[in-house]
Amino acid sequence: MVNRKEIENNMNIISKCSFFSGMDKGEIQAVLGCVGAYIIQADKGKYIFRAGDSTEVMGMVLTGSIFIIQEDVWGHRNIMAKCQPGEFFGEIYAASPGSILNISVIAEADTTVLMMNVKRLLSSCSSACDYHQRLIRNLVGVLANKVMTFNEKITHISRRSTREKLLSFLSSEAQRAGSLSFDIPFNRQELADYLCVERAAMTVELSRLQKEGILETNRNHFVLSAQ
């Protein structure tokens, strides 16, 4: 069980999270006990969940970041999503008792994660807390957001060419940032893994797009041309 000091140290992130929408800090403290919350530390590269396992808990990133990935037996990696502080992972599987994970979760950096038992949330609360139903409603919003995240990835990778995949992704990131100048959450290899393309082919296409004046890029920073 997570202790009060750990919660207080991370309350600024926790209280802003959509899962706790409509709750004050005192209510959040109480409800974390309801869902059996605890905090784990994951060093960079450590697996938090592995494909083939099942889980009753979902995680919320407090510090650092994680990748949700799929891997085949030859080690080829497909990045499904990246979660940063305030974002969730594992909620879809935790809300489906007995389901087997077809994804793994790995720490992209040294990471602190708040783990919460969704099974406890979906069952009757022994304390009959007033905010139990509110949490369930908020969980539906969290699940819907994850579905939209994965749908967005499908939109990008369903494009026929590497060029089209890149432009679809970059257009989406520009819209999210509300600017033609923005940073993306991936380095080059990670971006290739996310878009399911070869890194070399992607690098060639990025070079072409720069020469055509469609974009400028420096590491993970991009500027798109409005023309």
C-alpha atoms as a PDB file:
ATOM      1  CA  MET A   1       0.000   0.000   0.000  1.00  0.00           C
ATOM      2  CA  VAL A   2       1.294   3.435  -0.866  1.00  0.00           C
ATOM      3  CA  ASN A   3       2.053   5.641   2.130  1.00  0.00           C
ATOM      4  CA  ARG A   4       0.988   9.235   2.679  1.00  0.00           C
ATOM      5  CA  LYS A   5       4.473  10.666   2.158  1.00  0.00           C
ATOM      6  CA  GLU A   6       4.769   9.040  -1.284  1.00  0.00           C
ATOM      7  CA  ILE A   7       1.331  10.366  -2.233  1.00  0.00           C
ATOM      8  CA  GLU A   8       2.116  13.893  -1.048  1.00  0.00           C
ATOM      9  CA  ASN A   9       5.360  13.896  -3.019  1.00  0.00           C
ATOM     10  CA  ASN A  10       3.436  13.141  -6.209  1.00  0.00           C
ATOM     11  CA  MET A  11       0.097  14.825  -5.486  1.00  0.00           C
ATOM     12  CA  ASN A  12       0.556  17.601  -8.053  1.00  0.00           C
ATOM     13  CA  ILE A  13       0.654  15.046 -10.868  1.00  0.00           C
ATOM     14  CA  ILE A  14      -1.983  12.732  -9.371  1.00  0.00           C
ATOM     15  CA  SER A  15      -4.547  15.455  -8.692  1.00  0.00           C
ATOM     16  CA  LYS A  16      -4.382  16.736 -12.282  1.00  0.00           C
ATOM     17  CA  CYS A  17      -5.059  13.287 -13.738  1.00  0.00           C
ATOM     18  CA  SER A  18      -8.416  12.685 -15.452  1.00  0.00           C
ATOM     19  CA  PHE A  19      -8.945   9.511 -13.421  1.00  0.00           C
ATOM     20  CA  PHE A  20      -9.334  11.652 -10.280  1.00  0.00           C
ATOM     21  CA  SER A  21     -11.387  14.392 -11.924  1.00  0.00           C
ATOM     22  CA  GLY A  22     -13.839  16.071  -9.520  1.00  0.00           C
ATOM     23  CA  MET A  23     -11.988  14.993  -6.377  1.00  0.00           C
ATOM     24  CA  ASP A  24     -10.048  17.011  -3.843  1.00  0.00           C
ATOM     25  CA  LYS A  25      -6.759  15.838  -2.389  1.00  0.00           C
ATOM     26  CA  GLY A  26      -8.386  14.340   0.705  1.00  0.00           C
ATOM     27  CA  GLU A  27     -10.749  12.255  -1.414  1.00  0.00           C
ATOM     28  CA  ILE A  28      -7.880  11.120  -3.620  1.00  0.00           C
ATOM     29  CA  GLN A  29      -5.926   9.992  -0.561  1.00  0.00           C
ATOM     30  CA  ALA A  30      -8.924   7.950   0.593  1.00  0.00           C
ATOM     31  CA  VAL A  31      -9.746   6.416  -2.767  1.00  0.00           C
ATOM     32  CA  LEU A  32      -6.170   5.257  -3.351  1.00  0.00           C
ATOM     33  CA  GLY A  33      -6.683   2.960  -0.405  1.00  0.00           C
ATOM     34  CA  CYS A  34      -9.901   1.723  -2.027  1.00  0.00           C
ATOM     35  CA  VAL A  35      -8.027   0.649  -5.167  1.00  0.00           C
ATOM     36  CA  GLY A  36      -5.048  -0.813  -3.295  1.00  0.00           C
ATOM     37  CA  ALA A  37      -2.613   1.708  -4.759  1.00  0.00           C
ATOM     38  CA  TYR A  38       1.148   1.299  -4.479  1.00  0.00           C
ATOM     39  CA  ILE A  39       4.195   2.881  -6.100  1.00  0.00           C
ATOM     40  CA  ILE A  40       6.969   1.051  -7.933  1.00  0.00           C
ATOM     41  CA  GLN A  41      10.300   2.201  -9.330  1.00  0.00           C
ATOM     42  CA  ALA A  42      11.393   0.874 -12.725  1.00  0.00           C
ATOM     43  CA  ASP A  43      14.924   1.426 -14.014  1.00  0.00           C
ATOM     44  CA  LYS A  44      15.421   2.275 -17.681  1.00  0.00           C
ATOM     45  CA  GLY A  45      14.903  -0.830 -19.819  1.00  0.00           C
ATOM     46  CA  LYS A  46      13.023  -2.776 -17.123  1.00  0.00           C
ATOM     47  CA  TYR A  47       9.815  -4.589 -18.103  1.00  0.00           C
ATOM     48  CA  ILE A  48       6.802  -3.596 -16.020  1.00  0.00           C
ATOM     49  CA  PHE A  49       4.374  -5.906 -17.872  1.00  0.00           C
ATOM     50  CA  ARG A  50       5.273  -8.707 -20.271  1.00  0.00           C
ATOM     51  CA  ALA A  51       3.212 -10.136 -23.116  1.00  0.00           C
ATOM     52  CA  GLY A  52       1.615 -13.428 -22.098  1.00  0.00           C
ATOM     53  CA  ASP A  53       0.928 -12.294 -18.531  1.00  0.00           C
ATOM     54  CA  SER A  54      -2.380 -11.123 -17.100  1.00  0.00           C
ATOM     55  CA  THR A  55      -2.934  -8.202 -14.748  1.00  0.00           C
ATOM     56  CA  GLU A  56      -5.505  -6.764 -12.367  1.00  0.00           C
ATOM     57  CA  VAL A  57      -3.634  -3.476 -12.008  1.00  0.00           C
ATOM     58  CA  MET A  58      -3.165  -0.484 -14.256  1.00  0.00           C
ATOM     59  CA  GLY A  59      -0.299   1.971 -14.016  1.00  0.00           C
ATOM     60  CA  MET A  60      -0.066   5.746 -14.026  1.00  0.00           C
ATOM     61  CA  VAL A  61       3.318   7.272 -14.849  1.00  0.00           C
ATOM     62  CA  LEU A  62       4.436   9.722 -12.167  1.00  0.00           C
ATOM     63  CA  THR A  63       7.980  10.415 -13.352  1.00  0.00           C
ATOM     64  CA  GLY A  64       9.938   9.241 -16.377  1.00  0.00           C
ATOM     65  CA  SER A  65       8.188   7.535 -19.295  1.00  0.00           C
ATOM     66  CA  ILE A  66       7.246   4.096 -20.613  1.00  0.00           C
ATOM     67  CA  PHE A  67       6.740   2.440 -23.993  1.00  0.00           C
ATOM     68  CA  ILE A  68       3.850   0.127 -24.770  1.00  0.00           C
ATOM     69  CA  ILE A  69       5.355  -2.301 -27.278  1.00  0.00           C
ATOM     70  CA  GLN A  70       4.792  -5.493 -29.205  1.00  0.00           C
ATOM     71  CA  GLU A  71       7.742  -7.770 -29.955  1.00  0.00           C
ATOM     72  CA  ASP A  72       8.070 -10.875 -32.092  1.00  0.00           C
ATOM     73  CA  VAL A  73      10.342 -13.851 -31.395  1.00  0.00           C
ATOM     74  CA  TRP A  74      13.118 -12.263 -33.484  1.00  0.00           C
ATOM     75  CA  GLY A  75      13.156  -9.115 -31.371  1.00  0.00           C
ATOM     76  CA  HIS A  76      11.458  -6.799 -33.871  1.00  0.00           C
ATOM     77  CA  ARG A  77       9.746  -4.056 -31.911  1.00  0.00           C
ATOM     78  CA  ASN A  78       6.538  -2.187 -32.659  1.00  0.00           C
ATOM     79  CA  ILE A  79       5.947   0.821 -30.399  1.00  0.00           C
ATOM     80  CA  MET A  80       2.230   1.131 -29.782  1.00  0.00           C
ATOM     81  CA  ALA A  81       2.377   4.231 -27.595  1.00  0.00           C
ATOM     82  CA  LYS A  82       4.538   6.250 -25.236  1.00  0.00           C
ATOM     83  CA  CYS A  83       3.172   7.264 -21.834  1.00  0.00           C
ATOM     84  CA  GLN A  84       4.529  10.233 -19.920  1.00  0.00           C
ATOM     85  CA  PRO A  85       3.690  11.635 -16.443  1.00  0.00           C
ATOM     86  CA  GLY A  86      -0.058  11.656 -15.834  1.00  0.00           C
ATOM     87  CA  GLU A  87      -0.795   9.012 -18.473  1.00  0.00           C
ATOM     88  CA  PHE A  88      -2.007   5.429 -18.010  1.00  0.00           C
ATOM     89  CA  PHE A  89      -1.128   1.976 -19.264  1.00  0.00           C
ATOM     90  CA  GLY A  90      -2.573  -1.497 -18.785  1.00  0.00           C
ATOM     91  CA  GLU A  91      -6.081  -0.214 -18.058  1.00  0.00           C
ATOM     92  CA  ILE A  92      -7.743  -2.110 -20.921  1.00  0.00           C
ATOM     93  CA  TYR A  93      -6.343  -5.454 -19.743  1.00  0.00           C
ATOM     94  CA  ALA A  94      -6.892  -4.764 -16.051  1.00  0.00           C
ATOM     95  CA  ALA A  95     -10.547  -4.003 -16.776  1.00  0.00           C
ATOM     96  CA  SER A  96     -10.920  -7.378 -18.570  1.00  0.00           C
ATOM     97  CA  PRO A  97     -10.344 -10.027 -15.854  1.00  0.00           C
ATOM     98  CA  GLY A  98      -8.369 -13.018 -17.106  1.00  0.00           C
ATOM     99  CA  SER A  99      -7.345 -11.413 -20.405  1.00  0.00           C
ATOM    100  CA  ILE A 100      -3.808 -12.104 -21.589  1.00  0.00           C
ATOM    101  CA  LEU A 101      -1.555  -9.193 -22.498  1.00  0.00           C
ATOM    102  CA  ASN A 102      -0.440  -9.074 -26.135  1.00  0.00           C
ATOM    103  CA  ILE A 103       1.738  -6.077 -25.307  1.00  0.00           C
ATOM    104  CA  SER A 104       4.691  -5.448 -23.047  1.00  0.00           C
ATOM    105  CA  VAL A 105       5.391  -2.302 -21.047  1.00  0.00           C
ATOM    106  CA  ILE A 106       8.993  -1.204 -20.654  1.00  0.00           C
ATOM    107  CA  ALA A 107      10.534   1.786 -18.878  1.00  0.00           C
ATOM    108  CA  GLU A 108      11.924   4.209 -21.476  1.00  0.00           C
ATOM    109  CA  ALA A 109      13.764   6.042 -18.676  1.00  0.00           C
ATOM    110  CA  ASP A 110      14.079   5.627 -14.915  1.00  0.00           C
ATOM    111  CA  THR A 111      10.396   5.724 -14.025  1.00  0.00           C
ATOM    112  CA  THR A 112       8.060   5.956 -11.046  1.00  0.00           C
ATOM    113  CA  VAL A 113       4.627   4.380 -11.468  1.00  0.00           C
ATOM    114  CA  LEU A 114       1.458   4.432  -9.375  1.00  0.00           C
ATOM    115  CA  MET A 115      -0.253   1.032  -9.641  1.00  0.00           C
ATOM    116  CA  MET A 116      -3.999   0.670  -8.974  1.00  0.00           C
ATOM    117  CA  ASN A 117      -6.166  -2.437  -8.766  1.00  0.00           C
ATOM    118  CA  VAL A 118      -8.999  -2.098 -11.279  1.00  0.00           C
ATOM    119  CA  LYS A 119     -10.656  -5.318 -10.044  1.00  0.00           C
ATOM    120  CA  ARG A 120     -11.257  -3.623  -6.696  1.00  0.00           C
ATOM    121  CA  LEU A 121     -12.730  -0.636  -8.494  1.00  0.00           C
ATOM    122  CA  LEU A 122     -15.138  -2.759 -10.537  1.00  0.00           C
ATOM    123  CA  SER A 123     -16.359  -4.706  -7.493  1.00  0.00           C
ATOM    124  CA  SER A 124     -18.479  -3.364  -4.645  1.00  0.00           C
ATOM    125  CA  CYS A 125     -16.589  -1.041  -2.346  1.00  0.00           C
ATOM    126  CA  SER A 126     -16.540  -2.347   1.241  1.00  0.00           C
ATOM    127  CA  SER A 127     -16.373   1.245   2.504  1.00  0.00           C
ATOM    128  CA  ALA A 128     -19.297   2.308   0.284  1.00  0.00           C
ATOM    129  CA  CYS A 129     -17.349   5.489  -0.530  1.00  0.00           C
ATOM    130  CA  ASP A 130     -19.290   8.261  -2.248  1.00  0.00           C
ATOM    131  CA  TYR A 131     -16.716   8.642  -4.977  1.00  0.00           C
ATOM    132  CA  HIS A 132     -16.558   4.992  -6.056  1.00  0.00           C
ATOM    133  CA  GLN A 133     -19.083   5.492  -8.861  1.00  0.00           C
ATOM    134  CA  ARG A 134     -17.294   8.676  -9.911  1.00  0.00           C
ATOM    135  CA  LEU A 135     -14.087   6.694 -10.318  1.00  0.00           C
ATOM    136  CA  ILE A 136     -15.839   4.160 -12.517  1.00  0.00           C
ATOM    137  CA  ARG A 137     -17.142   6.964 -14.752  1.00  0.00           C
ATOM    138  CA  ASN A 138     -13.665   8.467 -14.913  1.00  0.00           C
ATOM    139  CA  LEU A 139     -12.228   5.053 -15.820  1.00  0.00           C
ATOM    140  CA  VAL A 140     -14.563   4.895 -18.808  1.00  0.00           C
ATOM    141  CA  GLY A 141     -13.039   8.179 -19.966  1.00  0.00           C
ATOM    142  CA  VAL A 142      -9.521   6.795 -19.508  1.00  0.00           C
ATOM    143  CA  LEU A 143     -10.407   3.690 -21.540  1.00  0.00           C
ATOM    144  CA  ALA A 144     -11.968   5.799 -24.292  1.00  0.00           C
ATOM    145  CA  ASN A 145      -8.853   7.939 -24.497  1.00  0.00           C
ATOM    146  CA  LYS A 146      -6.656   4.863 -24.924  1.00  0.00           C
ATOM    147  CA  VAL A 147      -8.883   3.560 -27.720  1.00  0.00           C
ATOM    148  CA  MET A 148      -8.516   6.919 -29.496  1.00  0.00           C
ATOM    149  CA  THR A 149      -4.733   6.763 -29.050  1.00  0.00           C
ATOM    150  CA  PHE A 150      -4.530   3.355 -30.696  1.00  0.00           C
ATOM    151  CA  ASN A 151      -6.960   4.411 -33.443  1.00  0.00           C
ATOM    152  CA  GLU A 152      -4.655   7.309 -34.215  1.00  0.00           C
ATOM    153  CA  LYS A 153      -1.725   4.946 -34.635  1.00  0.00           C
ATOM    154  CA  ILE A 154      -3.801   2.751 -36.941  1.00  0.00           C
ATOM    155  CA  THR A 155      -4.584   5.840 -39.032  1.00  0.00           C
ATOM    156  CA  HIS A 156      -0.860   6.521 -39.489  1.00  0.00           C
ATOM    157  CA  ILE A 157       0.363   3.007 -40.213  1.00  0.00           C
ATOM    158  CA  SER A 158      -2.511   2.243 -42.586  1.00  0.00           C
ATOM    159  CA  ARG A 159      -1.034   4.731 -45.071  1.00  0.00           C
ATOM    160  CA  ARG A 160       0.592   2.985 -48.008  1.00  0.00           C
ATOM    161  CA  SER A 161       4.053   4.579 -48.099  1.00  0.00           C
ATOM    162  CA  THR A 162       6.667   5.683 -45.580  1.00  0.00           C
ATOM    163  CA  ARG A 163       6.177   9.258 -46.792  1.00  0.00           C
ATOM    164  CA  GLU A 164       2.428   9.138 -46.198  1.00  0.00           C
ATOM    165  CA  LYS A 165       2.902   7.600 -42.753  1.00  0.00           C
ATOM    166  CA  LEU A 166       5.351  10.336 -41.786  1.00  0.00           C
ATOM    167  CA  LEU A 167       3.121  13.135 -43.022  1.00  0.00           C
ATOM    168  CA  SER A 168       0.067  11.673 -41.298  1.00  0.00           C
ATOM    169  CA  PHE A 169       1.948  11.425 -37.998  1.00  0.00           C
ATOM    170  CA  LEU A 170       3.559  14.869 -38.230  1.00  0.00           C
ATOM    171  CA  SER A 171       0.269  16.525 -39.196  1.00  0.00           C
ATOM    172  CA  SER A 172      -1.375  14.943 -36.157  1.00  0.00           C
ATOM    173  CA  GLU A 173       1.441  16.116 -33.862  1.00  0.00           C
ATOM    174  CA  ALA A 174       1.202  19.657 -35.240  1.00  0.00           C
ATOM    175  CA  GLN A 175      -2.539  19.694 -34.588  1.00  0.00           C
ATOM    176  CA  ARG A 176      -1.976  18.396 -31.059  1.00  0.00           C
ATOM    177  CA  ALA A 177       0.604  21.112 -30.393  1.00  0.00           C
ATOM    178  CA  GLY A 178      -1.500  23.810 -32.053  1.00  0.00           C
ATOM    179  CA  SER A 179       1.572  24.928 -33.978  1.00  0.00           C
ATOM    180  CA  LEU A 180       3.609  24.066 -37.054  1.00  0.00           C
ATOM    181  CA  SER A 181       6.686  24.031 -34.784  1.00  0.00           C
ATOM    182  CA  PHE A 182       6.680  21.164 -32.278  1.00  0.00           C
ATOM    183  CA  ASP A 183       8.614  18.351 -30.612  1.00  0.00           C
ATOM    184  CA  ILE A 184       7.728  14.682 -31.003  1.00  0.00           C
ATOM    185  CA  PRO A 185       8.145  12.120 -28.179  1.00  0.00           C
ATOM    186  CA  PHE A 186      10.393   9.788 -30.208  1.00  0.00           C
ATOM    187  CA  ASN A 187      13.958   9.622 -31.463  1.00  0.00           C
ATOM    188  CA  ARG A 188      14.538   8.349 -35.014  1.00  0.00           C
ATOM    189  CA  GLN A 189      14.612   4.642 -34.178  1.00  0.00           C
ATOM    190  CA  GLU A 190      11.585   4.947 -31.920  1.00  0.00           C
ATOM    191  CA  LEU A 191       9.686   6.837 -34.621  1.00  0.00           C
ATOM    192  CA  ALA A 192      10.474   4.097 -37.138  1.00  0.00           C
ATOM    193  CA  ASP A 193       9.284   1.481 -34.641  1.00  0.00           C
ATOM    194  CA  TYR A 194       6.087   3.447 -34.018  1.00  0.00           C
ATOM    195  CA  LEU A 195       5.288   3.858 -37.720  1.00  0.00           C
ATOM    196  CA  CYS A 196       6.325   0.263 -38.541  1.00  0.00           C
ATOM    197  CA  VAL A 197       8.879   1.298 -41.175  1.00  0.00           C
ATOM    198  CA  GLU A 198      12.590   0.733 -41.722  1.00  0.00           C
ATOM    199  CA  ARG A 199      14.699   3.442 -40.142  1.00  0.00           C
ATOM    200  CA  ALA A 200      16.933   3.827 -43.201  1.00  0.00           C
ATOM    201  CA  ALA A 201      13.967   4.296 -45.537  1.00  0.00           C
ATOM    202  CA  MET A 202      12.399   6.772 -43.124  1.00  0.00           C
ATOM    203  CA  THR A 203      15.630   8.778 -42.903  1.00  0.00           C
ATOM    204  CA  VAL A 204      15.818   8.995 -46.701  1.00  0.00           C
ATOM    205  CA  GLU A 205      12.207  10.191 -46.854  1.00  0.00           C
ATOM    206  CA  LEU A 206      12.779  12.820 -44.178  1.00  0.00           C
ATOM    207  CA  SER A 207      15.736  14.118 -46.188  1.00  0.00           C
ATOM    208  CA  ARG A 208      13.552  14.354 -49.300  1.00  0.00           C
ATOM    209  CA  LEU A 209      10.827  16.201 -47.425  1.00  0.00           C
ATOM    210  CA  GLN A 210      13.376  18.727 -46.176  1.00  0.00           C
ATOM    211  CA  LYS A 211      14.774  19.269 -49.681  1.00  0.00           C
ATOM    212  CA  GLU A 212      11.233  19.821 -50.963  1.00  0.00           C
ATOM    213  CA  GLY A 213      10.679  22.479 -48.310  1.00  0.00           C
ATOM    214  CA  ILE A 214       7.838  20.573 -46.670  1.00  0.00           C
ATOM    215  CA  LEU A 215       9.520  20.415 -43.290  1.00  0.00           C
ATOM    216  CA  GLU A 216      12.619  21.223 -41.272  1.00  0.00           C
ATOM    217  CA  THR A 217      13.870  18.951 -38.528  1.00  0.00           C
ATOM    218  CA  ASN A 218      16.551  18.835 -35.862  1.00  0.00           C
ATOM    219  CA  ARG A 219      16.519  15.700 -33.736  1.00  0.00           C
ATOM    220  CA  ASN A 220      12.978  15.452 -32.374  1.00  0.00           C
ATOM    221  CA  HIS A 221      11.977  19.024 -33.277  1.00  0.00           C
ATOM    222  CA  PHE A 222       9.987  19.627 -36.465  1.00  0.00           C
ATOM    223  CA  VAL A 223       8.757  22.697 -38.331  1.00  0.00           C
ATOM    224  CA  LEU A 224       6.190  22.112 -41.060  1.00  0.00           C
ATOM    225  CA  SER A 225       5.665  24.400 -44.030  1.00  0.00           C
ATOM    226  CA  ALA A 226       2.165  25.845 -44.386  1.00  0.00           C
ATOM    227  CA  GLN A 227       2.522  25.965 -48.176  1.00  0.00           C
END
